[in-house]
Amino acid sequence: MPDIDPQHARLIGEKLRTIRQEQQMSLRELATRAEVSASMLSQIETGKVFPSVRSLYTIANALGVTVDYFFPEHVSERVPAGGNGAASGTHALTASEMRDAQLNDAENVDLRFSGRAQGTSPIVPSTGRPTIELNGGVAWARLTALAEKDAEFLEITYAPGAASGVNMSHHEGREFGLVLEGELVIELGFESYVLHKGDSIIFESTTPHRLLNKSPEPMRAVWVVLSRPG
């Protein structure tokens, strides 16, 4: 369960009630469309329950909005040294929550990255990478000009103390990582591994896992995720 404060839960509830009433949709009707119980929706609207990312996506889809509608709007500017960076939205989702979100909304995954590589060149300049800032000090920079089907090629950055999520997560696919600088701790099942500069790893994404940077220095790595569509 994500570590979300009560104010955030109330905000989501208020936004849910507002858009549901604007669309003149009853709790029961929305519950049927989103495949969740009406009582659960009622508790979400009153801020008593914080929905899972999966539930939030089915609710957003039933209302015809993106999941970002339910989260506070934070905007920051990420400018790589020596170049002009693209504006980047800071999402309230953690890395593991965003991964879950991508699996449930694959058609819109490209829209989550701010900025876009220019032209039709197969080269993505270091100063023009589509980037997304995630909750908790994690950033993903896509190393491909466009989103690739069933594959992600990323440079991931973890600030000191950053983690992919509060708890372990798992999903279909396989992951490959190479640490470029810093130190990365990977909790994988019942094991924990520490990767330093130059170390690499491969693991099945179905194994519960979590990424952390416990060091005082930023961590940067190349990360590949291959999906296995069912």
C-alpha atoms as a PDB file:
ATOM      1  CA  MET A   1       0.000   0.000   0.000  1.00  0.00           C
ATOM      2  CA  PRO A   2       1.493   3.371  -0.982  1.00  0.00           C
ATOM      3  CA  ASP A   3       2.347   5.741   1.847  1.00  0.00           C
ATOM      4  CA  ILE A   4      -0.259   8.432   1.098  1.00  0.00           C
ATOM      5  CA  ASP A   5      -1.306  11.167   3.520  1.00  0.00           C
ATOM      6  CA  PRO A   6      -4.999  11.674   4.428  1.00  0.00           C
ATOM      7  CA  GLN A   7      -5.107  15.029   2.631  1.00  0.00           C
ATOM      8  CA  HIS A   8      -4.176  13.319  -0.631  1.00  0.00           C
ATOM      9  CA  ALA A   9      -6.921  10.718  -0.115  1.00  0.00           C
ATOM     10  CA  ARG A  10      -9.470  13.484   0.492  1.00  0.00           C
ATOM     11  CA  LEU A  11      -8.326  15.318  -2.638  1.00  0.00           C
ATOM     12  CA  ILE A  12      -8.838  12.227  -4.769  1.00  0.00           C
ATOM     13  CA  GLY A  13     -12.263  11.697  -3.213  1.00  0.00           C
ATOM     14  CA  GLU A  14     -13.334  15.273  -3.898  1.00  0.00           C
ATOM     15  CA  LYS A  15     -12.184  15.111  -7.509  1.00  0.00           C
ATOM     16  CA  LEU A  16     -13.932  11.781  -8.004  1.00  0.00           C
ATOM     17  CA  ARG A  17     -17.225  13.088  -6.637  1.00  0.00           C
ATOM     18  CA  THR A  18     -16.983  16.285  -8.694  1.00  0.00           C
ATOM     19  CA  ILE A  19     -16.432  14.628 -12.054  1.00  0.00           C
ATOM     20  CA  ARG A  20     -18.948  11.855 -11.340  1.00  0.00           C
ATOM     21  CA  GLN A  21     -21.652  14.420 -10.561  1.00  0.00           C
ATOM     22  CA  GLU A  22     -20.669  16.533 -13.577  1.00  0.00           C
ATOM     23  CA  GLN A  23     -21.291  13.468 -15.730  1.00  0.00           C
ATOM     24  CA  GLN A  24     -24.558  12.834 -13.876  1.00  0.00           C
ATOM     25  CA  MET A  25     -23.450   9.313 -13.047  1.00  0.00           C
ATOM     26  CA  SER A  26     -24.662   7.479  -9.957  1.00  0.00           C
ATOM     27  CA  LEU A  27     -22.306   5.580  -7.665  1.00  0.00           C
ATOM     28  CA  ARG A  28     -23.910   2.308  -8.740  1.00  0.00           C
ATOM     29  CA  GLU A  29     -23.484   3.101 -12.444  1.00  0.00           C
ATOM     30  CA  LEU A  30     -19.834   4.066 -12.011  1.00  0.00           C
ATOM     31  CA  ALA A  31     -19.247   0.977  -9.874  1.00  0.00           C
ATOM     32  CA  THR A  32     -20.602  -1.221 -12.665  1.00  0.00           C
ATOM     33  CA  ARG A  33     -18.448   0.452 -15.321  1.00  0.00           C
ATOM     34  CA  ALA A  34     -15.285   0.403 -13.211  1.00  0.00           C
ATOM     35  CA  GLU A  35     -15.948  -3.082 -11.815  1.00  0.00           C
ATOM     36  CA  VAL A  36     -15.595  -1.986  -8.188  1.00  0.00           C
ATOM     37  CA  SER A  37     -18.204  -1.958  -5.433  1.00  0.00           C
ATOM     38  CA  ALA A  38     -20.430   1.069  -4.858  1.00  0.00           C
ATOM     39  CA  SER A  39     -19.520   1.004  -1.167  1.00  0.00           C
ATOM     40  CA  MET A  40     -15.822   1.194  -2.062  1.00  0.00           C
ATOM     41  CA  LEU A  41     -16.467   4.186  -4.326  1.00  0.00           C
ATOM     42  CA  SER A  42     -18.380   5.876  -1.516  1.00  0.00           C
ATOM     43  CA  GLN A  43     -15.461   5.383   0.886  1.00  0.00           C
ATOM     44  CA  ILE A  44     -13.033   6.735  -1.715  1.00  0.00           C
ATOM     45  CA  GLU A  45     -15.188   9.845  -2.248  1.00  0.00           C
ATOM     46  CA  THR A  46     -15.282  10.531   1.486  1.00  0.00           C
ATOM     47  CA  GLY A  47     -11.514  10.093   1.789  1.00  0.00           C
ATOM     48  CA  LYS A  48     -11.787   7.053   4.050  1.00  0.00           C
ATOM     49  CA  VAL A  49     -10.045   4.737   1.588  1.00  0.00           C
ATOM     50  CA  PHE A  50      -7.125   5.341  -0.769  1.00  0.00           C
ATOM     51  CA  PRO A  51      -7.647   3.298  -3.958  1.00  0.00           C
ATOM     52  CA  SER A  52      -4.991   1.045  -5.428  1.00  0.00           C
ATOM     53  CA  VAL A  53      -3.380   2.230  -8.653  1.00  0.00           C
ATOM     54  CA  ARG A  54      -5.197  -0.519 -10.541  1.00  0.00           C
ATOM     55  CA  SER A  55      -8.588   0.578  -9.132  1.00  0.00           C
ATOM     56  CA  LEU A  56      -7.825   4.223  -9.828  1.00  0.00           C
ATOM     57  CA  TYR A  57      -7.092   3.430 -13.454  1.00  0.00           C
ATOM     58  CA  THR A  58     -10.314   1.478 -13.973  1.00  0.00           C
ATOM     59  CA  ILE A  59     -12.265   4.349 -12.373  1.00  0.00           C
ATOM     60  CA  ALA A  60     -10.482   6.935 -14.539  1.00  0.00           C
ATOM     61  CA  ASN A  61     -11.166   4.870 -17.642  1.00  0.00           C
ATOM     62  CA  ALA A  62     -14.848   4.548 -16.749  1.00  0.00           C
ATOM     63  CA  LEU A  63     -15.042   8.352 -16.385  1.00  0.00           C
ATOM     64  CA  GLY A  64     -13.095   9.031 -19.578  1.00  0.00           C
ATOM     65  CA  VAL A  65     -10.202  10.859 -17.874  1.00  0.00           C
ATOM     66  CA  THR A  66      -6.517  10.092 -17.331  1.00  0.00           C
ATOM     67  CA  VAL A  67      -5.318   8.994 -13.909  1.00  0.00           C
ATOM     68  CA  ASP A  68      -3.300  12.227 -13.584  1.00  0.00           C
ATOM     69  CA  TYR A  69      -6.618  14.034 -13.080  1.00  0.00           C
ATOM     70  CA  PHE A  70      -6.752  12.608  -9.541  1.00  0.00           C
ATOM     71  CA  PHE A  71      -3.282  13.692  -8.481  1.00  0.00           C
ATOM     72  CA  PRO A  72      -1.953  17.098  -7.390  1.00  0.00           C
ATOM     73  CA  GLU A  73      -0.347  19.073 -10.186  1.00  0.00           C
ATOM     74  CA  HIS A  74       3.379  19.524  -9.641  1.00  0.00           C
ATOM     75  CA  VAL A  75       5.582  20.875 -12.411  1.00  0.00           C
ATOM     76  CA  SER A  76       9.343  21.090 -12.326  1.00  0.00           C
ATOM     77  CA  GLU A  77      12.038  21.842 -14.866  1.00  0.00           C
ATOM     78  CA  ARG A  78      14.743  19.276 -15.493  1.00  0.00           C
ATOM     79  CA  VAL A  79      17.679  20.758 -17.367  1.00  0.00           C
ATOM     80  CA  PRO A  80      20.669  18.508 -18.059  1.00  0.00           C
ATOM     81  CA  ALA A  81      24.066  20.193 -17.704  1.00  0.00           C
ATOM     82  CA  GLY A  82      25.246  21.787 -20.902  1.00  0.00           C
ATOM     83  CA  GLY A  83      21.924  21.614 -22.742  1.00  0.00           C
ATOM     84  CA  ASN A  84      18.319  22.660 -22.849  1.00  0.00           C
ATOM     85  CA  GLY A  85      16.084  20.199 -21.027  1.00  0.00           C
ATOM     86  CA  ALA A  86      12.412  19.538 -21.639  1.00  0.00           C
ATOM     87  CA  ALA A  87       9.826  20.538 -19.091  1.00  0.00           C
ATOM     88  CA  SER A  88       9.003  17.547 -16.928  1.00  0.00           C
ATOM     89  CA  GLY A  89       5.899  16.868 -14.837  1.00  0.00           C
ATOM     90  CA  THR A  90       6.490  15.445 -11.388  1.00  0.00           C
ATOM     91  CA  HIS A  91       4.010  12.634 -10.884  1.00  0.00           C
ATOM     92  CA  ALA A  92       2.544  11.595  -7.549  1.00  0.00           C
ATOM     93  CA  LEU A  93       3.122   7.963  -8.542  1.00  0.00           C
ATOM     94  CA  THR A  94       6.187   6.034  -7.449  1.00  0.00           C
ATOM     95  CA  ALA A  95       8.193   4.001  -9.962  1.00  0.00           C
ATOM     96  CA  SER A  96       6.438   0.743  -9.057  1.00  0.00           C
ATOM     97  CA  GLU A  97       3.016   2.422  -9.208  1.00  0.00           C
ATOM     98  CA  MET A  98       3.806   3.876 -12.619  1.00  0.00           C
ATOM     99  CA  ARG A  99       4.913   0.453 -13.860  1.00  0.00           C
ATOM    100  CA  ASP A 100       1.551  -0.944 -12.718  1.00  0.00           C
ATOM    101  CA  ALA A 101      -0.183   1.979 -14.396  1.00  0.00           C
ATOM    102  CA  GLN A 102       1.608   1.343 -17.684  1.00  0.00           C
ATOM    103  CA  LEU A 103       0.498  -2.266 -17.692  1.00  0.00           C
ATOM    104  CA  ASN A 104      -3.114  -1.153 -17.319  1.00  0.00           C
ATOM    105  CA  ASP A 105      -3.003   1.757 -19.761  1.00  0.00           C
ATOM    106  CA  ALA A 106      -0.444   0.723 -22.373  1.00  0.00           C
ATOM    107  CA  GLU A 107      -2.026   2.737 -25.190  1.00  0.00           C
ATOM    108  CA  ASN A 108      -1.308   6.027 -23.425  1.00  0.00           C
ATOM    109  CA  VAL A 109       2.098   5.179 -21.998  1.00  0.00           C
ATOM    110  CA  ASP A 110       3.925   7.536 -24.388  1.00  0.00           C
ATOM    111  CA  LEU A 111       2.003  10.510 -22.971  1.00  0.00           C
ATOM    112  CA  ARG A 112       3.535  10.078 -19.528  1.00  0.00           C
ATOM    113  CA  PHE A 113       6.934  11.325 -20.674  1.00  0.00           C
ATOM    114  CA  SER A 114       7.518  15.058 -20.970  1.00  0.00           C
ATOM    115  CA  GLY A 115       9.418  16.197 -24.019  1.00  0.00           C
ATOM    116  CA  ARG A 116       9.925  14.338 -27.275  1.00  0.00           C
ATOM    117  CA  ALA A 117      12.967  13.557 -29.372  1.00  0.00           C
ATOM    118  CA  GLN A 118      13.094  15.839 -32.396  1.00  0.00           C
ATOM    119  CA  GLY A 119      12.724  14.717 -36.012  1.00  0.00           C
ATOM    120  CA  THR A 120      12.786  11.184 -37.351  1.00  0.00           C
ATOM    121  CA  SER A 121      16.399  10.395 -36.515  1.00  0.00           C
ATOM    122  CA  PRO A 122      17.057   7.092 -34.711  1.00  0.00           C
ATOM    123  CA  ILE A 123      19.406   9.046 -32.404  1.00  0.00           C
ATOM    124  CA  VAL A 124      18.102  10.486 -29.135  1.00  0.00           C
ATOM    125  CA  PRO A 125      20.401  13.314 -27.948  1.00  0.00           C
ATOM    126  CA  SER A 126      21.313  13.301 -24.260  1.00  0.00           C
ATOM    127  CA  THR A 127      19.724  16.754 -23.949  1.00  0.00           C
ATOM    128  CA  GLY A 128      16.467  15.733 -25.617  1.00  0.00           C
ATOM    129  CA  ARG A 129      15.373  12.570 -23.857  1.00  0.00           C
ATOM    130  CA  PRO A 130      11.667  12.276 -23.012  1.00  0.00           C
ATOM    131  CA  THR A 131      11.727  12.301 -19.209  1.00  0.00           C
ATOM    132  CA  ILE A 132       9.366  11.619 -16.349  1.00  0.00           C
ATOM    133  CA  GLU A 133       9.958  12.603 -12.736  1.00  0.00           C
ATOM    134  CA  LEU A 134       8.342  10.186 -10.279  1.00  0.00           C
ATOM    135  CA  ASN A 135       7.472  10.462  -6.634  1.00  0.00           C
ATOM    136  CA  GLY A 136      10.294   9.796  -4.182  1.00  0.00           C
ATOM    137  CA  GLY A 137      13.300  11.061  -6.146  1.00  0.00           C
ATOM    138  CA  VAL A 138      13.171   8.669  -9.114  1.00  0.00           C
ATOM    139  CA  ALA A 139      13.443   9.750 -12.768  1.00  0.00           C
ATOM    140  CA  TRP A 140      13.050   7.763 -15.983  1.00  0.00           C
ATOM    141  CA  ALA A 141      14.601   9.085 -19.202  1.00  0.00           C
ATOM    142  CA  ARG A 142      13.517   7.159 -22.282  1.00  0.00           C
ATOM    143  CA  LEU A 143      16.399   6.271 -24.614  1.00  0.00           C
ATOM    144  CA  THR A 144      14.163   5.758 -27.646  1.00  0.00           C
ATOM    145  CA  ALA A 145      12.513   8.523 -29.658  1.00  0.00           C
ATOM    146  CA  LEU A 146       9.120   6.830 -29.440  1.00  0.00           C
ATOM    147  CA  ALA A 147       7.584   4.264 -27.126  1.00  0.00           C
ATOM    148  CA  GLU A 148       8.477   0.736 -28.217  1.00  0.00           C
ATOM    149  CA  LYS A 149       5.908  -2.052 -28.155  1.00  0.00           C
ATOM    150  CA  ASP A 150       6.512  -4.537 -25.308  1.00  0.00           C
ATOM    151  CA  ALA A 151       9.924  -3.021 -24.468  1.00  0.00           C
ATOM    152  CA  GLU A 152      11.401  -0.091 -22.572  1.00  0.00           C
ATOM    153  CA  PHE A 153      14.952   1.233 -22.891  1.00  0.00           C
ATOM    154  CA  LEU A 154      15.584   3.726 -20.075  1.00  0.00           C
ATOM    155  CA  GLU A 155      18.167   5.613 -18.108  1.00  0.00           C
ATOM    156  CA  ILE A 156      16.947   5.588 -14.511  1.00  0.00           C
ATOM    157  CA  THR A 157      18.135   7.976 -11.817  1.00  0.00           C
ATOM    158  CA  TYR A 158      17.631   7.476  -8.077  1.00  0.00           C
ATOM    159  CA  ALA A 159      18.401  10.335  -5.695  1.00  0.00           C
ATOM    160  CA  PRO A 160      19.975   9.451  -2.322  1.00  0.00           C
ATOM    161  CA  GLY A 161      17.358   7.619  -0.262  1.00  0.00           C
ATOM    162  CA  ALA A 162      15.027   7.074  -3.246  1.00  0.00           C
ATOM    163  CA  ALA A 163      13.081   3.839  -3.733  1.00  0.00           C
ATOM    164  CA  SER A 164      10.863   2.422  -6.457  1.00  0.00           C
ATOM    165  CA  GLY A 165       8.036   2.058  -3.943  1.00  0.00           C
ATOM    166  CA  VAL A 166       7.099   1.418  -0.345  1.00  0.00           C
ATOM    167  CA  ASN A 167       6.580  -2.281  -1.012  1.00  0.00           C
ATOM    168  CA  MET A 168       7.853  -4.797  -3.529  1.00  0.00           C
ATOM    169  CA  SER A 169       6.006  -5.056  -6.825  1.00  0.00           C
ATOM    170  CA  HIS A 170       5.812  -7.666  -9.569  1.00  0.00           C
ATOM    171  CA  HIS A 171       4.521  -7.850 -13.126  1.00  0.00           C
ATOM    172  CA  GLU A 172       4.985  -9.815 -16.330  1.00  0.00           C
ATOM    173  CA  GLY A 173       8.296  -9.457 -18.158  1.00  0.00           C
ATOM    174  CA  ARG A 174      12.051  -9.525 -17.697  1.00  0.00           C
ATOM    175  CA  GLU A 175      14.420  -6.750 -16.597  1.00  0.00           C
ATOM    176  CA  PHE A 176      18.052  -5.983 -17.432  1.00  0.00           C
ATOM    177  CA  GLY A 177      20.097  -3.363 -15.598  1.00  0.00           C
ATOM    178  CA  LEU A 178      23.594  -1.859 -15.763  1.00  0.00           C
ATOM    179  CA  VAL A 179      24.719   0.618 -13.094  1.00  0.00           C
ATOM    180  CA  LEU A 180      26.569   3.582 -14.597  1.00  0.00           C
ATOM    181  CA  GLU A 181      27.325   5.400 -11.362  1.00  0.00           C
ATOM    182  CA  GLY A 182      26.497   5.161  -7.684  1.00  0.00           C
ATOM    183  CA  GLU A 183      25.088   2.201  -5.801  1.00  0.00           C
ATOM    184  CA  LEU A 184      21.797   0.361  -6.283  1.00  0.00           C
ATOM    185  CA  VAL A 185      20.184  -2.077  -3.870  1.00  0.00           C
ATOM    186  CA  ILE A 186      17.760  -4.562  -5.433  1.00  0.00           C
ATOM    187  CA  GLU A 187      15.449  -6.518  -3.173  1.00  0.00           C
ATOM    188  CA  LEU A 188      14.515  -9.598  -5.175  1.00  0.00           C
ATOM    189  CA  GLY A 189      12.250 -12.132  -3.510  1.00  0.00           C
ATOM    190  CA  PHE A 190      13.899 -13.048  -0.221  1.00  0.00           C
ATOM    191  CA  GLU A 191      17.326 -11.866  -1.377  1.00  0.00           C
ATOM    192  CA  SER A 192      18.981  -8.445  -1.450  1.00  0.00           C
ATOM    193  CA  TYR A 193      21.734  -7.477  -3.906  1.00  0.00           C
ATOM    194  CA  VAL A 194      24.017  -4.438  -3.960  1.00  0.00           C
ATOM    195  CA  LEU A 195      25.169  -3.268  -7.400  1.00  0.00           C
ATOM    196  CA  HIS A 196      28.051  -0.827  -7.852  1.00  0.00           C
ATOM    197  CA  LYS A 197      29.316   1.019 -10.924  1.00  0.00           C
ATOM    198  CA  GLY A 198      29.763  -1.448 -13.780  1.00  0.00           C
ATOM    199  CA  ASP A 199      27.661  -4.212 -12.203  1.00  0.00           C
ATOM    200  CA  SER A 200      24.704  -5.629 -14.114  1.00  0.00           C
ATOM    201  CA  ILE A 201      21.690  -7.792 -13.343  1.00  0.00           C
ATOM    202  CA  ILE A 202      18.924  -9.751 -15.093  1.00  0.00           C
ATOM    203  CA  PHE A 203      15.778 -10.992 -13.367  1.00  0.00           C
ATOM    204  CA  GLU A 204      12.214 -12.074 -13.994  1.00  0.00           C
ATOM    205  CA  SER A 205       9.778  -9.245 -13.286  1.00  0.00           C
ATOM    206  CA  THR A 206       7.303 -11.758 -11.875  1.00  0.00           C
ATOM    207  CA  THR A 207       9.598 -12.081  -8.847  1.00  0.00           C
ATOM    208  CA  PRO A 208       8.617  -9.453  -6.238  1.00  0.00           C
ATOM    209  CA  HIS A 209      11.245  -6.726  -6.386  1.00  0.00           C
ATOM    210  CA  ARG A 210      12.131  -3.225  -5.234  1.00  0.00           C
ATOM    211  CA  LEU A 211      14.950  -0.838  -6.175  1.00  0.00           C
ATOM    212  CA  LEU A 212      16.575   1.476  -3.627  1.00  0.00           C
ATOM    213  CA  ASN A 213      19.463   3.896  -3.351  1.00  0.00           C
ATOM    214  CA  LYS A 214      20.689   3.728   0.244  1.00  0.00           C
ATOM    215  CA  SER A 215      23.901   5.620  -0.493  1.00  0.00           C
ATOM    216  CA  PRO A 216      24.512   9.380  -0.072  1.00  0.00           C
ATOM    217  CA  GLU A 217      25.244   9.743  -3.802  1.00  0.00           C
ATOM    218  CA  PRO A 218      22.867   9.703  -6.811  1.00  0.00           C
ATOM    219  CA  MET A 219      22.540   6.424  -8.706  1.00  0.00           C
ATOM    220  CA  ARG A 220      22.266   6.236 -12.486  1.00  0.00           C
ATOM    221  CA  ALA A 221      21.682   3.094 -14.540  1.00  0.00           C
ATOM    222  CA  VAL A 222      20.598   1.827 -17.947  1.00  0.00           C
ATOM    223  CA  TRP A 223      17.434  -0.249 -17.580  1.00  0.00           C
ATOM    224  CA  VAL A 224      15.606  -2.464 -20.070  1.00  0.00           C
ATOM    225  CA  VAL A 225      12.173  -3.958 -19.414  1.00  0.00           C
ATOM    226  CA  LEU A 226      10.805  -6.558 -21.816  1.00  0.00           C
ATOM    227  CA  SER A 227       7.082  -7.166 -21.447  1.00  0.00           C
ATOM    228  CA  ARG A 228       5.274 -10.390 -22.151  1.00  0.00           C
ATOM    229  CA  PRO A 229       1.806  -9.557 -23.410  1.00  0.00           C
ATOM    230  CA  GLY A 230      -0.814 -12.098 -22.430  1.00  0.00           C
END
